[in-house]
Protein backbone atom coordinates (compact mmCIF):
# COMPACT_ATOMS: atom_id res chain seq x y z
CA UNK A 1 0.00 0.00 0.00
CA UNK A 2 1.04 3.58 -0.47
CA UNK A 3 -0.23 7.14 -0.71
CA UNK A 4 0.99 10.37 -2.21
CA UNK A 5 0.12 13.75 -3.66
CA UNK A 6 0.00 14.25 -7.43
CA UNK A 7 -1.71 16.43 -9.99
CA UNK A 8 -4.68 15.54 -12.20
CA UNK A 9 -3.76 16.38 -15.80
CA UNK A 10 -7.17 16.22 -17.45
CA UNK A 11 -10.78 15.23 -16.85
CA UNK A 12 -13.34 14.06 -19.39
CA UNK A 13 -16.49 15.73 -17.99
CA UNK A 14 -18.90 13.46 -19.87
CA UNK A 15 -17.62 10.33 -18.11
CA UNK A 16 -15.76 11.86 -15.11
CA UNK A 17 -12.68 9.87 -16.24
CA UNK A 18 -9.30 11.42 -15.47
CA UNK A 19 -5.57 10.85 -15.84
CA UNK A 20 -2.69 12.28 -13.84
CA UNK A 21 0.99 12.16 -12.83
CA UNK A 22 2.30 11.48 -16.36
CA UNK A 23 4.50 8.71 -14.96
CA UNK A 24 3.81 5.50 -13.11
CA UNK A 25 3.84 4.85 -9.37
CA UNK A 26 7.01 2.81 -8.93
CA UNK A 27 8.72 0.82 -6.19
CA UNK A 28 11.19 3.09 -4.41
CA UNK A 29 13.83 0.36 -4.20
CA UNK A 30 13.61 -1.34 -7.60
CA UNK A 31 12.13 1.43 -9.75
CA UNK A 32 9.67 -1.11 -11.16
CA UNK A 33 6.03 -0.20 -11.82
CA UNK A 34 3.87 -1.30 -8.87
CA UNK A 35 1.02 -3.67 -9.83
CA UNK A 36 -2.21 -2.10 -8.61
CA UNK A 37 -5.29 -4.06 -7.58
CA UNK A 38 -7.31 -1.04 -6.53
CA UNK A 39 -6.85 2.53 -5.46
CA UNK A 40 -8.88 5.47 -4.29
CA UNK A 41 -8.78 9.20 -4.88
CA UNK A 42 -9.17 11.76 -2.11
CA UNK A 43 -8.99 15.53 -2.04
CA UNK A 44 -5.83 17.16 -0.69
CA UNK A 45 -5.42 20.46 1.11
CA UNK A 46 -2.01 21.93 0.33
CA UNK A 47 -0.42 23.16 3.56
CA UNK A 48 2.98 24.33 2.37
CA UNK A 49 5.84 24.13 -0.11
CA UNK A 50 9.27 22.66 0.47
CA UNK A 51 11.37 24.66 -1.98
CA UNK A 52 13.61 22.72 -4.35
CA UNK A 53 17.36 23.27 -4.57
CA UNK A 54 20.14 21.71 -6.63
CA UNK A 55 20.64 18.18 -5.28
CA UNK A 56 17.54 18.36 -3.07
CA UNK A 57 14.17 18.21 -4.84
CA UNK A 58 11.36 20.06 -3.11
CA UNK A 59 7.79 18.95 -2.52
CA UNK A 60 4.22 20.11 -2.18
CA UNK A 61 3.11 19.34 1.38
CA UNK A 62 -0.48 18.66 2.32
CA UNK A 63 -2.97 16.45 4.06
CA UNK A 64 -5.72 14.18 2.79
CA UNK A 65 -9.34 15.14 3.26
CA UNK A 66 -11.67 12.48 4.71
CA UNK A 67 -13.75 10.49 2.28
CA UNK A 68 -13.27 9.00 -1.16
CA UNK A 69 -13.80 11.18 -4.25
CA UNK A 70 -13.00 8.60 -6.93
CA UNK A 71 -11.37 5.33 -7.90
CA UNK A 72 -7.96 4.63 -9.42
CA UNK A 73 -8.26 2.04 -12.17
CA UNK A 74 -4.80 1.86 -13.68
CA UNK A 75 -1.11 2.51 -13.00
CA UNK A 76 0.95 2.72 -16.19
CA UNK A 77 4.36 4.03 -17.23
CA UNK A 78 2.55 7.08 -18.61
CA UNK A 79 0.52 7.89 -15.52
CA UNK A 80 -2.45 6.82 -13.45
CA UNK A 81 -6.07 6.96 -14.50
CA UNK A 82 -9.48 6.49 -12.95
CA UNK A 83 -12.95 7.92 -12.50
CA UNK A 84 -14.24 10.62 -10.15
CA UNK A 85 -17.48 10.10 -8.23
CA UNK A 86 -18.41 13.73 -8.94
CA UNK A 87 -16.69 16.39 -11.01
CA UNK A 88 -14.43 18.63 -8.88
CA UNK A 89 -15.81 22.11 -8.27
CA UNK A 90 -12.90 23.85 -9.98
CA UNK A 91 -12.48 22.50 -13.50
CA UNK A 92 -10.72 24.52 -16.18
CA UNK A 93 -12.33 25.31 -19.52
CA UNK A 94 -12.31 22.56 -22.15
CA UNK A 95 -9.19 22.42 -24.30
CA UNK A 96 -8.47 20.58 -27.55
CA UNK A 97 -5.71 17.96 -27.52
CA UNK A 98 -2.44 18.88 -29.22
CA UNK A 99 -0.33 16.25 -30.96
CA UNK A 100 3.41 15.64 -30.65
CA UNK A 101 3.82 17.09 -34.14
CA UNK A 102 2.17 20.35 -33.04
CA UNK A 103 4.37 20.87 -29.98
CA UNK A 104 7.05 23.47 -30.63
CA UNK A 105 10.17 24.56 -28.80
CA UNK A 106 9.49 27.83 -27.04
CA UNK A 107 7.00 29.35 -24.63
CA UNK A 108 4.23 27.37 -22.96
CA UNK A 109 2.17 27.44 -19.77
CA UNK A 110 1.72 24.94 -16.96
CA UNK A 111 -1.19 24.78 -14.52
CA UNK A 112 -0.67 23.74 -10.91
CA UNK A 113 -2.17 24.24 -7.46
CA UNK A 114 0.12 25.52 -4.71
CA UNK A 115 -0.54 26.62 -1.14
CA UNK A 116 -3.16 29.23 -2.06
CA UNK A 117 -5.50 26.39 -3.06
CA UNK A 118 -6.15 27.84 -6.53
CA UNK A 119 -5.07 26.67 -9.98
CA UNK A 120 -2.28 29.00 -11.11
CA UNK A 121 -0.78 29.54 -14.56
CA UNK A 122 3.01 29.70 -14.87
CA UNK A 123 5.38 30.25 -17.81
CA UNK A 124 7.79 27.57 -19.01
CA UNK A 125 9.96 27.04 -22.10
CA UNK A 126 9.89 23.79 -24.09
CA UNK A 127 13.19 22.40 -25.47
CA UNK A 128 14.66 19.19 -26.90
CA UNK A 129 11.54 17.42 -28.22
CA UNK A 130 11.86 13.67 -28.96
CA UNK A 131 8.85 13.05 -31.18
CA UNK A 132 9.46 9.28 -31.20
CA UNK A 133 9.30 8.97 -27.39
CA UNK A 134 6.70 6.51 -26.11
CA UNK A 135 7.30 6.85 -22.35
CA UNK A 136 7.17 9.69 -19.85
CA UNK A 137 10.29 11.65 -20.89
CA UNK A 138 9.35 13.12 -24.28
CA UNK A 139 10.78 16.63 -24.07
CA UNK A 140 12.52 18.94 -21.64
CA UNK A 141 11.14 22.10 -20.13
CA UNK A 142 12.50 24.96 -18.04
CA UNK A 143 10.47 27.05 -15.61
CA UNK A 144 10.85 30.73 -16.56
CA UNK A 145 8.11 32.22 -14.37
CA UNK A 146 9.69 34.30 -11.56
CA UNK A 147 6.67 33.78 -9.29
CA UNK A 148 6.91 29.98 -9.49
CA UNK A 149 10.69 29.99 -9.04
CA UNK A 150 10.33 32.23 -6.00
CA UNK A 151 7.69 30.00 -4.40
CA UNK A 152 8.93 26.48 -5.28
CA UNK A 153 12.39 26.83 -6.82
CA UNK A 154 10.95 25.35 -10.02
CA UNK A 155 9.49 21.85 -10.36
CA UNK A 156 8.83 19.99 -7.10
CA UNK A 157 7.36 16.63 -6.12
CA UNK A 158 3.58 16.79 -6.32
CA UNK A 159 3.64 18.81 -9.55
CA UNK A 160 3.88 15.65 -11.66
CA UNK A 161 0.87 15.69 -13.95
CA UNK A 162 0.65 19.48 -14.19
CA UNK A 163 -0.90 20.19 -17.61
CA UNK A 164 1.25 21.86 -20.27
CA UNK A 165 -0.62 24.21 -22.61
CA UNK A 166 0.71 25.74 -25.79
CA UNK A 167 -1.24 27.70 -28.42
CA UNK A 168 -4.52 26.96 -26.65
CA UNK A 169 -4.06 23.18 -26.72
CA UNK A 170 -3.32 20.57 -24.05
CA UNK A 171 0.06 19.23 -25.15
CA UNK A 172 1.24 17.15 -22.23
CA UNK A 173 2.18 17.13 -18.58
CA UNK A 174 5.18 17.71 -16.31
CA UNK A 175 6.69 14.36 -15.21
CA UNK A 176 10.15 14.73 -13.67
CA UNK A 177 12.53 17.31 -12.23
CA UNK A 178 16.28 17.33 -12.79
CA UNK A 179 17.93 16.77 -9.40
CA UNK A 180 20.83 19.02 -10.41
CA UNK A 181 18.56 21.90 -11.49
CA UNK A 182 15.05 22.27 -10.00
CA UNK A 183 14.03 24.76 -12.70
CA UNK A 184 14.37 22.04 -15.37
CA UNK A 185 12.59 18.77 -15.98
CA UNK A 186 10.79 16.48 -18.39
CA UNK A 187 7.33 16.35 -19.90
CA UNK A 188 5.17 13.69 -21.56
CA UNK A 189 3.06 14.00 -24.71
CA UNK A 190 -0.65 13.99 -23.87
CA UNK A 191 -1.07 11.37 -26.61
CA UNK A 192 1.02 8.93 -24.56
CA UNK A 193 -1.24 9.38 -21.54
CA UNK A 194 -4.39 8.91 -23.61
CA UNK A 195 -2.96 5.75 -25.20
CA UNK A 196 -2.78 4.03 -21.82
CA UNK A 197 -6.44 4.49 -20.86
CA UNK A 198 -8.51 3.13 -23.78
CA UNK A 199 -11.08 1.42 -21.56
CA UNK A 200 -11.89 4.68 -19.78
CA UNK A 201 -12.16 6.72 -22.98
CA UNK A 202 -14.91 4.55 -24.49
C-alpha atoms as a PDB file:
ATOM      1  CA  UNK A   1       0.000   0.000   0.000  1.00  0.00           C
ATOM      2  CA  UNK A   2       1.044   3.577  -0.473  1.00  0.00           C
ATOM      3  CA  UNK A   3      -0.231   7.139  -0.713  1.00  0.00           C
ATOM      4  CA  UNK A   4       0.989  10.370  -2.209  1.00  0.00           C
ATOM      5  CA  UNK A   5       0.119  13.755  -3.664  1.00  0.00           C
ATOM      6  CA  UNK A   6       0.000  14.250  -7.427  1.00  0.00           C
ATOM      7  CA  UNK A   7      -1.712  16.435  -9.994  1.00  0.00           C
ATOM      8  CA  UNK A   8      -4.680  15.544 -12.195  1.00  0.00           C
ATOM      9  CA  UNK A   9      -3.764  16.378 -15.802  1.00  0.00           C
ATOM     10  CA  UNK A  10      -7.171  16.217 -17.453  1.00  0.00           C
ATOM     11  CA  UNK A  11     -10.781  15.233 -16.846  1.00  0.00           C
ATOM     12  CA  UNK A  12     -13.338  14.065 -19.388  1.00  0.00           C
ATOM     13  CA  UNK A  13     -16.491  15.734 -17.991  1.00  0.00           C
ATOM     14  CA  UNK A  14     -18.904  13.460 -19.873  1.00  0.00           C
ATOM     15  CA  UNK A  15     -17.624  10.333 -18.114  1.00  0.00           C
ATOM     16  CA  UNK A  16     -15.762  11.861 -15.110  1.00  0.00           C
ATOM     17  CA  UNK A  17     -12.680   9.873 -16.236  1.00  0.00           C
ATOM     18  CA  UNK A  18      -9.302  11.423 -15.466  1.00  0.00           C
ATOM     19  CA  UNK A  19      -5.575  10.853 -15.836  1.00  0.00           C
ATOM     20  CA  UNK A  20      -2.692  12.277 -13.844  1.00  0.00           C
ATOM     21  CA  UNK A  21       0.995  12.162 -12.832  1.00  0.00           C
ATOM     22  CA  UNK A  22       2.296  11.476 -16.362  1.00  0.00           C
ATOM     23  CA  UNK A  23       4.500   8.707 -14.959  1.00  0.00           C
ATOM     24  CA  UNK A  24       3.812   5.496 -13.108  1.00  0.00           C
ATOM     25  CA  UNK A  25       3.842   4.847  -9.372  1.00  0.00           C
ATOM     26  CA  UNK A  26       7.009   2.814  -8.927  1.00  0.00           C
ATOM     27  CA  UNK A  27       8.718   0.824  -6.194  1.00  0.00           C
ATOM     28  CA  UNK A  28      11.188   3.093  -4.407  1.00  0.00           C
ATOM     29  CA  UNK A  29      13.835   0.365  -4.198  1.00  0.00           C
ATOM     30  CA  UNK A  30      13.606  -1.341  -7.598  1.00  0.00           C
ATOM     31  CA  UNK A  31      12.135   1.432  -9.748  1.00  0.00           C
ATOM     32  CA  UNK A  32       9.666  -1.111 -11.156  1.00  0.00           C
ATOM     33  CA  UNK A  33       6.031  -0.203 -11.823  1.00  0.00           C
ATOM     34  CA  UNK A  34       3.867  -1.297  -8.867  1.00  0.00           C
ATOM     35  CA  UNK A  35       1.019  -3.666  -9.832  1.00  0.00           C
ATOM     36  CA  UNK A  36      -2.210  -2.097  -8.611  1.00  0.00           C
ATOM     37  CA  UNK A  37      -5.285  -4.058  -7.582  1.00  0.00           C
ATOM     38  CA  UNK A  38      -7.312  -1.040  -6.531  1.00  0.00           C
ATOM     39  CA  UNK A  39      -6.852   2.527  -5.456  1.00  0.00           C
ATOM     40  CA  UNK A  40      -8.878   5.470  -4.288  1.00  0.00           C
ATOM     41  CA  UNK A  41      -8.780   9.198  -4.881  1.00  0.00           C
ATOM     42  CA  UNK A  42      -9.166  11.757  -2.114  1.00  0.00           C
ATOM     43  CA  UNK A  43      -8.993  15.530  -2.036  1.00  0.00           C
ATOM     44  CA  UNK A  44      -5.832  17.164  -0.688  1.00  0.00           C
ATOM     45  CA  UNK A  45      -5.417  20.462   1.115  1.00  0.00           C
ATOM     46  CA  UNK A  46      -2.010  21.931   0.334  1.00  0.00           C
ATOM     47  CA  UNK A  47      -0.420  23.161   3.556  1.00  0.00           C
ATOM     48  CA  UNK A  48       2.984  24.331   2.372  1.00  0.00           C
ATOM     49  CA  UNK A  49       5.838  24.126  -0.114  1.00  0.00           C
ATOM     50  CA  UNK A  50       9.272  22.655   0.467  1.00  0.00           C
ATOM     51  CA  UNK A  51      11.371  24.659  -1.982  1.00  0.00           C
ATOM     52  CA  UNK A  52      13.613  22.716  -4.355  1.00  0.00           C
ATOM     53  CA  UNK A  53      17.361  23.273  -4.569  1.00  0.00           C
ATOM     54  CA  UNK A  54      20.141  21.710  -6.634  1.00  0.00           C
ATOM     55  CA  UNK A  55      20.642  18.183  -5.282  1.00  0.00           C
ATOM     56  CA  UNK A  56      17.545  18.365  -3.074  1.00  0.00           C
ATOM     57  CA  UNK A  57      14.167  18.206  -4.841  1.00  0.00           C
ATOM     58  CA  UNK A  58      11.361  20.063  -3.107  1.00  0.00           C
ATOM     59  CA  UNK A  59       7.787  18.946  -2.520  1.00  0.00           C
ATOM     60  CA  UNK A  60       4.217  20.115  -2.181  1.00  0.00           C
ATOM     61  CA  UNK A  61       3.111  19.342   1.378  1.00  0.00           C
ATOM     62  CA  UNK A  62      -0.484  18.664   2.323  1.00  0.00           C
ATOM     63  CA  UNK A  63      -2.973  16.449   4.058  1.00  0.00           C
ATOM     64  CA  UNK A  64      -5.718  14.180   2.785  1.00  0.00           C
ATOM     65  CA  UNK A  65      -9.341  15.144   3.260  1.00  0.00           C
ATOM     66  CA  UNK A  66     -11.666  12.482   4.705  1.00  0.00           C
ATOM     67  CA  UNK A  67     -13.752  10.490   2.276  1.00  0.00           C
ATOM     68  CA  UNK A  68     -13.268   9.004  -1.163  1.00  0.00           C
ATOM     69  CA  UNK A  69     -13.800  11.176  -4.250  1.00  0.00           C
ATOM     70  CA  UNK A  70     -13.001   8.602  -6.930  1.00  0.00           C
ATOM     71  CA  UNK A  71     -11.375   5.331  -7.901  1.00  0.00           C
ATOM     72  CA  UNK A  72      -7.963   4.625  -9.423  1.00  0.00           C
ATOM     73  CA  UNK A  73      -8.260   2.044 -12.171  1.00  0.00           C
ATOM     74  CA  UNK A  74      -4.800   1.859 -13.685  1.00  0.00           C
ATOM     75  CA  UNK A  75      -1.109   2.513 -13.003  1.00  0.00           C
ATOM     76  CA  UNK A  76       0.951   2.722 -16.194  1.00  0.00           C
ATOM     77  CA  UNK A  77       4.363   4.029 -17.234  1.00  0.00           C
ATOM     78  CA  UNK A  78       2.554   7.083 -18.614  1.00  0.00           C
ATOM     79  CA  UNK A  79       0.515   7.891 -15.522  1.00  0.00           C
ATOM     80  CA  UNK A  80      -2.446   6.817 -13.450  1.00  0.00           C
ATOM     81  CA  UNK A  81      -6.067   6.958 -14.495  1.00  0.00           C
ATOM     82  CA  UNK A  82      -9.476   6.491 -12.951  1.00  0.00           C
ATOM     83  CA  UNK A  83     -12.951   7.924 -12.495  1.00  0.00           C
ATOM     84  CA  UNK A  84     -14.240  10.619 -10.151  1.00  0.00           C
ATOM     85  CA  UNK A  85     -17.485  10.103  -8.231  1.00  0.00           C
ATOM     86  CA  UNK A  86     -18.407  13.725  -8.944  1.00  0.00           C
ATOM     87  CA  UNK A  87     -16.689  16.393 -11.011  1.00  0.00           C
ATOM     88  CA  UNK A  88     -14.434  18.628  -8.885  1.00  0.00           C
ATOM     89  CA  UNK A  89     -15.810  22.106  -8.275  1.00  0.00           C
ATOM     90  CA  UNK A  90     -12.902  23.853  -9.976  1.00  0.00           C
ATOM     91  CA  UNK A  91     -12.481  22.505 -13.497  1.00  0.00           C
ATOM     92  CA  UNK A  92     -10.717  24.523 -16.181  1.00  0.00           C
ATOM     93  CA  UNK A  93     -12.329  25.308 -19.517  1.00  0.00           C
ATOM     94  CA  UNK A  94     -12.313  22.559 -22.149  1.00  0.00           C
ATOM     95  CA  UNK A  95      -9.192  22.417 -24.297  1.00  0.00           C
ATOM     96  CA  UNK A  96      -8.468  20.585 -27.549  1.00  0.00           C
ATOM     97  CA  UNK A  97      -5.712  17.959 -27.521  1.00  0.00           C
ATOM     98  CA  UNK A  98      -2.438  18.875 -29.219  1.00  0.00           C
ATOM     99  CA  UNK A  99      -0.331  16.248 -30.962  1.00  0.00           C
ATOM    100  CA  UNK A 100       3.406  15.638 -30.650  1.00  0.00           C
ATOM    101  CA  UNK A 101       3.821  17.094 -34.135  1.00  0.00           C
ATOM    102  CA  UNK A 102       2.166  20.349 -33.042  1.00  0.00           C
ATOM    103  CA  UNK A 103       4.372  20.870 -29.975  1.00  0.00           C
ATOM    104  CA  UNK A 104       7.048  23.473 -30.630  1.00  0.00           C
ATOM    105  CA  UNK A 105      10.172  24.557 -28.800  1.00  0.00           C
ATOM    106  CA  UNK A 106       9.491  27.833 -27.039  1.00  0.00           C
ATOM    107  CA  UNK A 107       7.003  29.348 -24.629  1.00  0.00           C
ATOM    108  CA  UNK A 108       4.234  27.367 -22.959  1.00  0.00           C
ATOM    109  CA  UNK A 109       2.172  27.442 -19.766  1.00  0.00           C
ATOM    110  CA  UNK A 110       1.722  24.939 -16.963  1.00  0.00           C
ATOM    111  CA  UNK A 111      -1.187  24.781 -14.521  1.00  0.00           C
ATOM    112  CA  UNK A 112      -0.675  23.741 -10.910  1.00  0.00           C
ATOM    113  CA  UNK A 113      -2.169  24.236  -7.464  1.00  0.00           C
ATOM    114  CA  UNK A 114       0.116  25.518  -4.712  1.00  0.00           C
ATOM    115  CA  UNK A 115      -0.537  26.624  -1.140  1.00  0.00           C
ATOM    116  CA  UNK A 116      -3.160  29.234  -2.055  1.00  0.00           C
ATOM    117  CA  UNK A 117      -5.497  26.392  -3.063  1.00  0.00           C
ATOM    118  CA  UNK A 118      -6.147  27.840  -6.531  1.00  0.00           C
ATOM    119  CA  UNK A 119      -5.065  26.670  -9.980  1.00  0.00           C
ATOM    120  CA  UNK A 120      -2.278  28.997 -11.111  1.00  0.00           C
ATOM    121  CA  UNK A 121      -0.775  29.545 -14.558  1.00  0.00           C
ATOM    122  CA  UNK A 122       3.009  29.702 -14.873  1.00  0.00           C
ATOM    123  CA  UNK A 123       5.377  30.251 -17.805  1.00  0.00           C
ATOM    124  CA  UNK A 124       7.792  27.572 -19.014  1.00  0.00           C
ATOM    125  CA  UNK A 125       9.961  27.044 -22.095  1.00  0.00           C
ATOM    126  CA  UNK A 126       9.892  23.789 -24.091  1.00  0.00           C
ATOM    127  CA  UNK A 127      13.186  22.403 -25.474  1.00  0.00           C
ATOM    128  CA  UNK A 128      14.656  19.186 -26.903  1.00  0.00           C
ATOM    129  CA  UNK A 129      11.540  17.418 -28.221  1.00  0.00           C
ATOM    130  CA  UNK A 130      11.865  13.672 -28.957  1.00  0.00           C
ATOM    131  CA  UNK A 131       8.847  13.052 -31.181  1.00  0.00           C
ATOM    132  CA  UNK A 132       9.462   9.275 -31.197  1.00  0.00           C
ATOM    133  CA  UNK A 133       9.302   8.966 -27.395  1.00  0.00           C
ATOM    134  CA  UNK A 134       6.697   6.511 -26.107  1.00  0.00           C
ATOM    135  CA  UNK A 135       7.302   6.850 -22.351  1.00  0.00           C
ATOM    136  CA  UNK A 136       7.170   9.687 -19.846  1.00  0.00           C
ATOM    137  CA  UNK A 137      10.286  11.650 -20.892  1.00  0.00           C
ATOM    138  CA  UNK A 138       9.350  13.116 -24.277  1.00  0.00           C
ATOM    139  CA  UNK A 139      10.780  16.627 -24.067  1.00  0.00           C
ATOM    140  CA  UNK A 140      12.520  18.940 -21.645  1.00  0.00           C
ATOM    141  CA  UNK A 141      11.144  22.104 -20.127  1.00  0.00           C
ATOM    142  CA  UNK A 142      12.498  24.959 -18.037  1.00  0.00           C
ATOM    143  CA  UNK A 143      10.471  27.053 -15.610  1.00  0.00           C
ATOM    144  CA  UNK A 144      10.852  30.728 -16.558  1.00  0.00           C
ATOM    145  CA  UNK A 145       8.113  32.217 -14.371  1.00  0.00           C
ATOM    146  CA  UNK A 146       9.694  34.301 -11.560  1.00  0.00           C
ATOM    147  CA  UNK A 147       6.666  33.785  -9.288  1.00  0.00           C
ATOM    148  CA  UNK A 148       6.906  29.984  -9.490  1.00  0.00           C
ATOM    149  CA  UNK A 149      10.691  29.987  -9.039  1.00  0.00           C
ATOM    150  CA  UNK A 150      10.334  32.232  -5.996  1.00  0.00           C
ATOM    151  CA  UNK A 151       7.690  29.998  -4.396  1.00  0.00           C
ATOM    152  CA  UNK A 152       8.927  26.482  -5.281  1.00  0.00           C
ATOM    153  CA  UNK A 153      12.385  26.830  -6.815  1.00  0.00           C
ATOM    154  CA  UNK A 154      10.953  25.347 -10.024  1.00  0.00           C
ATOM    155  CA  UNK A 155       9.489  21.849 -10.357  1.00  0.00           C
ATOM    156  CA  UNK A 156       8.826  19.991  -7.100  1.00  0.00           C
ATOM    157  CA  UNK A 157       7.360  16.626  -6.122  1.00  0.00           C
ATOM    158  CA  UNK A 158       3.575  16.786  -6.324  1.00  0.00           C
ATOM    159  CA  UNK A 159       3.639  18.809  -9.547  1.00  0.00           C
ATOM    160  CA  UNK A 160       3.876  15.651 -11.660  1.00  0.00           C
ATOM    161  CA  UNK A 161       0.866  15.694 -13.955  1.00  0.00           C
ATOM    162  CA  UNK A 162       0.653  19.481 -14.187  1.00  0.00           C
ATOM    163  CA  UNK A 163      -0.899  20.194 -17.613  1.00  0.00           C
ATOM    164  CA  UNK A 164       1.251  21.860 -20.274  1.00  0.00           C
ATOM    165  CA  UNK A 165      -0.623  24.214 -22.607  1.00  0.00           C
ATOM    166  CA  UNK A 166       0.710  25.743 -25.791  1.00  0.00           C
ATOM    167  CA  UNK A 167      -1.243  27.703 -28.421  1.00  0.00           C
ATOM    168  CA  UNK A 168      -4.518  26.962 -26.647  1.00  0.00           C
ATOM    169  CA  UNK A 169      -4.062  23.178 -26.724  1.00  0.00           C
ATOM    170  CA  UNK A 170      -3.319  20.574 -24.054  1.00  0.00           C
ATOM    171  CA  UNK A 171       0.057  19.234 -25.146  1.00  0.00           C
ATOM    172  CA  UNK A 172       1.236  17.147 -22.228  1.00  0.00           C
ATOM    173  CA  UNK A 173       2.183  17.127 -18.579  1.00  0.00           C
ATOM    174  CA  UNK A 174       5.177  17.708 -16.315  1.00  0.00           C
ATOM    175  CA  UNK A 175       6.686  14.363 -15.213  1.00  0.00           C
ATOM    176  CA  UNK A 176      10.154  14.730 -13.667  1.00  0.00           C
ATOM    177  CA  UNK A 177      12.526  17.309 -12.225  1.00  0.00           C
ATOM    178  CA  UNK A 178      16.277  17.328 -12.785  1.00  0.00           C
ATOM    179  CA  UNK A 179      17.930  16.769  -9.400  1.00  0.00           C
ATOM    180  CA  UNK A 180      20.831  19.022 -10.414  1.00  0.00           C
ATOM    181  CA  UNK A 181      18.555  21.900 -11.486  1.00  0.00           C
ATOM    182  CA  UNK A 182      15.047  22.269  -9.999  1.00  0.00           C
ATOM    183  CA  UNK A 183      14.032  24.765 -12.697  1.00  0.00           C
ATOM    184  CA  UNK A 184      14.365  22.044 -15.375  1.00  0.00           C
ATOM    185  CA  UNK A 185      12.594  18.765 -15.980  1.00  0.00           C
ATOM    186  CA  UNK A 186      10.789  16.480 -18.392  1.00  0.00           C
ATOM    187  CA  UNK A 187       7.332  16.346 -19.902  1.00  0.00           C
ATOM    188  CA  UNK A 188       5.169  13.691 -21.559  1.00  0.00           C
ATOM    189  CA  UNK A 189       3.056  13.998 -24.712  1.00  0.00           C
ATOM    190  CA  UNK A 190      -0.655  13.987 -23.867  1.00  0.00           C
ATOM    191  CA  UNK A 191      -1.065  11.365 -26.609  1.00  0.00           C
ATOM    192  CA  UNK A 192       1.020   8.934 -24.562  1.00  0.00           C
ATOM    193  CA  UNK A 193      -1.244   9.375 -21.537  1.00  0.00           C
ATOM    194  CA  UNK A 194      -4.389   8.914 -23.608  1.00  0.00           C
ATOM    195  CA  UNK A 195      -2.958   5.748 -25.203  1.00  0.00           C
ATOM    196  CA  UNK A 196      -2.781   4.028 -21.816  1.00  0.00           C
ATOM    197  CA  UNK A 197      -6.445   4.488 -20.861  1.00  0.00           C
ATOM    198  CA  UNK A 198      -8.510   3.134 -23.780  1.00  0.00           C
ATOM    199  CA  UNK A 199     -11.085   1.420 -21.556  1.00  0.00           C
ATOM    200  CA  UNK A 200     -11.886   4.682 -19.784  1.00  0.00           C
ATOM    201  CA  UNK A 201     -12.159   6.716 -22.984  1.00  0.00           C
ATOM    202  CA  UNK A 202     -14.911   4.554 -24.491  1.00  0.00           C
END
